[in-house]
Protein backbone atom coordinates (compact mmCIF):
# COMPACT_ATOMS: atom_id res chain seq x y z
CA MET A 1 18.28 18.35 -22.01
CA PRO A 2 17.99 17.46 -18.31
CA GLN A 3 14.54 16.79 -16.89
CA PHE A 4 13.05 19.44 -14.62
CA VAL A 5 11.59 17.93 -11.45
CA ALA A 6 10.15 21.05 -9.77
CA ILE A 7 9.91 24.79 -9.87
CA VAL A 8 9.62 26.13 -6.34
CA PRO A 9 8.51 29.69 -5.51
CA VAL A 10 10.61 31.50 -2.89
CA LEU A 11 8.77 34.19 -0.95
CA ARG A 12 10.74 36.80 0.95
CA VAL A 13 8.95 37.36 4.24
CA SER A 14 9.41 39.67 7.20
CA ASP A 15 8.97 36.93 9.84
CA VAL A 16 9.58 33.32 8.81
CA GLU A 17 8.07 31.89 12.01
CA ARG A 18 4.83 33.87 11.54
CA SER A 19 4.61 32.81 7.88
CA ILE A 20 5.23 29.15 8.79
CA ALA A 21 2.28 29.28 11.19
CA TRP A 22 0.02 30.90 8.55
CA TYR A 23 0.80 28.36 5.79
CA ARG A 24 0.60 25.44 8.22
CA ASP A 25 -2.66 26.51 9.87
CA ASN A 26 -4.51 27.76 6.77
CA LEU A 27 -3.28 25.45 4.00
CA GLY A 28 -1.90 22.41 5.83
CA PHE A 29 1.77 22.72 4.85
CA THR A 30 4.43 20.93 6.92
CA PRO A 31 7.45 23.14 7.73
CA ASP A 32 11.13 22.26 7.57
CA PRO A 33 12.79 25.41 8.98
CA PHE A 34 16.42 26.46 9.20
CA PRO A 35 17.95 26.74 11.69
CA ALA A 36 16.08 24.12 13.73
CA GLU A 37 15.13 26.68 16.42
CA PRO A 38 13.81 30.26 16.05
CA PRO A 39 14.62 32.80 14.88
CA PHE A 40 14.26 31.11 11.49
CA GLU A 41 15.98 32.42 8.37
CA PHE A 42 14.53 29.98 5.85
CA CYS A 43 11.90 27.26 5.55
CA ILE A 44 10.76 24.69 3.03
CA LEU A 45 7.03 24.13 3.29
CA ARG A 46 5.71 20.84 1.91
CA ARG A 47 2.29 19.43 1.24
CA ASP A 48 1.66 16.39 -0.93
CA SER A 49 3.94 16.81 -3.98
CA THR A 50 4.31 20.60 -3.67
CA GLU A 51 6.89 22.83 -2.08
CA LEU A 52 7.04 26.51 -1.22
CA MET A 53 10.08 28.22 0.26
CA LEU A 54 10.18 31.14 2.68
CA ARG A 55 13.25 33.31 3.15
CA LYS A 56 13.71 36.10 5.67
CA SER A 57 13.78 39.43 3.91
CA ALA A 58 16.61 41.83 4.64
CA GLY A 59 14.22 44.77 4.28
CA ALA A 60 10.54 45.59 4.52
CA VAL A 61 8.16 43.48 2.46
CA SER A 62 5.66 45.59 0.53
CA ARG A 63 2.91 44.27 -1.76
CA VAL A 64 0.71 46.57 -3.86
CA ARG A 65 -1.64 45.03 -6.40
CA ASP A 66 -4.87 44.96 -8.28
CA SER A 67 -7.27 42.03 -8.11
CA TYR A 68 -6.30 38.78 -9.90
CA GLU A 69 -2.61 39.34 -9.25
CA TRP A 70 -1.39 36.17 -7.61
CA ASP A 71 1.99 35.38 -6.15
CA VAL A 72 1.23 31.68 -5.68
CA TYR A 73 -1.35 29.60 -7.58
CA ILE A 74 -2.19 26.25 -6.01
CA ARG A 75 -4.06 23.82 -8.25
CA LEU A 76 -5.88 21.00 -6.49
CA GLU A 77 -7.34 17.72 -7.70
CA GLY A 78 -9.51 15.08 -6.10
CA GLU A 79 -12.57 17.25 -5.38
CA GLU A 80 -10.88 18.72 -2.29
CA LEU A 81 -11.37 22.46 -2.88
CA THR A 82 -14.56 22.78 -0.84
CA GLN A 83 -12.97 21.06 2.16
CA LEU A 84 -9.89 23.29 2.04
CA LEU A 85 -12.08 26.37 1.49
CA ASP A 86 -14.14 25.59 4.60
CA HIS A 87 -10.98 24.97 6.62
CA ALA A 88 -9.22 28.18 5.47
CA ARG A 89 -12.20 30.54 5.78
CA ARG A 90 -12.57 29.60 9.47
CA ARG A 91 -9.00 30.79 10.07
CA THR A 92 -8.34 33.73 7.77
CA PRO A 93 -10.39 36.14 5.64
CA LEU A 94 -10.92 35.33 1.99
CA VAL A 95 -9.69 38.05 -0.36
CA ARG A 96 -11.77 36.80 -3.29
CA GLY A 97 -14.19 34.05 -4.09
CA PRO A 98 -14.98 31.33 -4.20
CA GLU A 99 -16.11 31.82 -7.77
CA LEU A 100 -16.28 29.90 -11.02
CA MET A 101 -13.89 31.29 -13.61
CA ALA A 102 -14.57 31.34 -17.37
CA TYR A 103 -11.78 28.74 -17.84
CA GLY A 104 -13.57 26.22 -15.60
CA GLN A 105 -11.62 26.48 -12.35
CA VAL A 106 -13.32 27.35 -9.06
CA GLU A 107 -10.97 29.74 -7.28
CA PHE A 108 -10.60 31.53 -3.98
CA GLU A 109 -7.83 33.80 -2.74
CA LEU A 110 -6.13 34.31 0.58
CA GLU A 111 -3.52 36.84 1.62
CA ASP A 112 -0.61 35.80 3.82
CA PRO A 113 0.85 38.03 6.59
CA ASP A 114 3.22 39.74 4.13
CA GLY A 115 0.48 40.46 1.59
CA TYR A 116 1.29 37.67 -0.85
CA ARG A 117 -1.81 36.53 -2.71
CA VAL A 118 -2.41 32.80 -2.74
CA CYS A 119 -5.01 31.56 -5.21
CA VAL A 120 -6.39 28.06 -4.66
CA ALA A 121 -8.16 26.46 -7.63
CA GLU A 122 -9.70 23.23 -8.83
CA ALA A 123 -11.79 22.11 -11.78
CA LEU A 124 -14.76 20.62 -9.93
CA ALA A 125 -17.25 18.22 -11.48
CA ASP A 126 -20.15 20.00 -9.74
CA THR A 127 -19.89 23.79 -9.73
CA ARG A 128 -23.47 24.45 -8.61
CA GLY A 129 -23.53 26.92 -5.76
CA PHE A 130 -20.44 28.80 -6.91
CA PRO A 131 -21.13 32.23 -8.45
CA ARG A 132 -19.62 33.00 -11.83
CA ALA A 133 -16.75 35.50 -11.81
CA VAL A 134 -17.59 38.92 -13.14
CA ALA A 135 -15.47 39.68 -16.22
């Protein structure tokens, strides 16, 4: 069997340029849009060893959900969650968290301009100060 090297989510968005700005400003992704000048139809967002793709939707984008329904789950390492949390919460509202989950991850959620839920998580060595999630 061939070796998989990545699985990359593709989010259909109403405005690729607006979504690029949100992912860049809130989560530090670097955009590689197509075409090179707006209006963009597609973009590969990269940060560290991760990728996320954005594609212009032909129709309206509608998201309806309950809590804990993520579209993108970003797992961190290196004790960086608190730094990213502080950075993101200065720029966009948190939808949930931060909170310590029963499975040991500290998580917080953001919502992008099209309503996609992005959960950011890390297993931190020191979880003091983070409330436990309510089951």
